[in-house]
Amino acid sequence: RELLELMYHLGNALKWQGVKQGDRVTIYMPPCPLVVASMLACARFGAVHALVITSFSAESLADRIWD
C-alpha cells in the first residue's frame, strides 16, 4: 500500500512537470525503494524510462542517457 501511494505521488509530480505518454525519462538516483516507485510511475504514464544508478562515471552516465 505504501509503494502504491508513493507511486501515485510521484506520478502526480511527473504529471505536474509535463511528462506524458511517449516521453523519455531518465531516473538518476541511488538504489532505494524510491527507484521502484519512480519506474512504476513512469510505466503508469506510458513514459519510456531508463534507470541510472549514481555510482556510474560521468562518461558512462552520458552514454546511458544518450542511448
Protein backbone atom coordinates (compact mmCIF):
# COMPACT_ATOMS: atom_id res chain seq x y z
CA ARG A 1 0.00 0.00 0.00
CA GLU A 2 2.84 2.38 0.84
CA LEU A 3 4.50 1.70 -2.51
CA LEU A 4 1.23 2.34 -4.32
CA GLU A 5 0.72 5.66 -2.54
CA LEU A 6 4.31 6.70 -3.25
CA MET A 7 3.85 5.77 -6.91
CA TYR A 8 0.74 7.94 -7.15
CA HIS A 9 2.55 10.89 -5.54
CA LEU A 10 5.48 10.54 -7.93
CA GLY A 11 3.09 10.15 -10.85
CA ASN A 12 1.38 13.39 -9.91
CA ALA A 13 4.77 15.11 -9.66
CA LEU A 14 5.70 13.81 -13.12
CA LYS A 15 2.37 14.98 -14.49
CA TRP A 16 2.93 18.42 -12.96
CA GLN A 17 6.33 18.50 -14.71
CA GLY A 18 4.60 17.81 -18.03
CA VAL A 19 5.54 14.16 -18.53
CA LYS A 20 3.10 12.34 -20.78
CA GLN A 21 2.81 9.12 -22.74
CA GLY A 22 5.76 8.51 -25.03
CA ASP A 23 8.11 10.93 -23.25
CA ARG A 24 11.59 9.76 -22.28
CA VAL A 25 12.58 9.96 -18.60
CA THR A 26 15.97 9.18 -17.07
CA ILE A 27 15.86 8.23 -13.39
CA TYR A 28 19.16 9.11 -11.71
CA MET A 29 19.28 8.14 -8.04
CA PRO A 30 20.92 5.70 -5.64
CA PRO A 31 19.41 2.24 -5.26
CA CYS A 32 16.48 2.58 -2.88
CA PRO A 33 12.75 1.79 -2.78
CA LEU A 34 12.03 5.18 -4.33
CA VAL A 35 13.57 3.92 -7.59
CA VAL A 36 10.93 1.20 -7.87
CA ALA A 37 8.11 3.68 -7.28
CA SER A 38 9.62 6.04 -9.88
CA MET A 39 9.80 3.31 -12.52
CA LEU A 40 6.22 2.26 -11.81
CA ALA A 41 5.04 5.87 -12.03
CA CYS A 42 6.72 6.25 -15.44
CA ALA A 43 5.21 2.99 -16.63
CA ARG A 44 1.80 4.15 -15.47
CA PHE A 45 2.04 7.15 -17.80
CA GLY A 46 3.49 5.11 -20.64
CA ALA A 47 6.74 7.08 -20.48
CA VAL A 48 9.91 5.35 -21.60
CA HIS A 49 12.24 5.30 -18.64
CA ALA A 50 15.89 4.47 -18.11
CA LEU A 51 17.41 3.80 -14.71
CA VAL A 52 20.88 5.16 -13.99
CA ILE A 53 22.47 4.35 -10.63
CA THR A 54 24.50 7.17 -9.06
CA SER A 55 27.69 5.10 -8.94
CA PHE A 56 28.27 5.41 -12.72
CA SER A 57 31.08 7.60 -14.04
CA ALA A 58 30.30 10.78 -15.97
CA GLU A 59 31.11 9.14 -19.32
CA SER A 60 29.03 6.09 -18.54
CA LEU A 61 26.17 8.31 -17.41
CA ALA A 62 26.30 10.31 -20.65
CA ASP A 63 26.28 7.12 -22.72
CA ARG A 64 23.25 5.74 -20.93
CA ILE A 65 21.29 8.97 -21.22
CA TRP A 66 22.15 9.25 -24.92
CA ASP A 67 21.08 5.64 -25.58
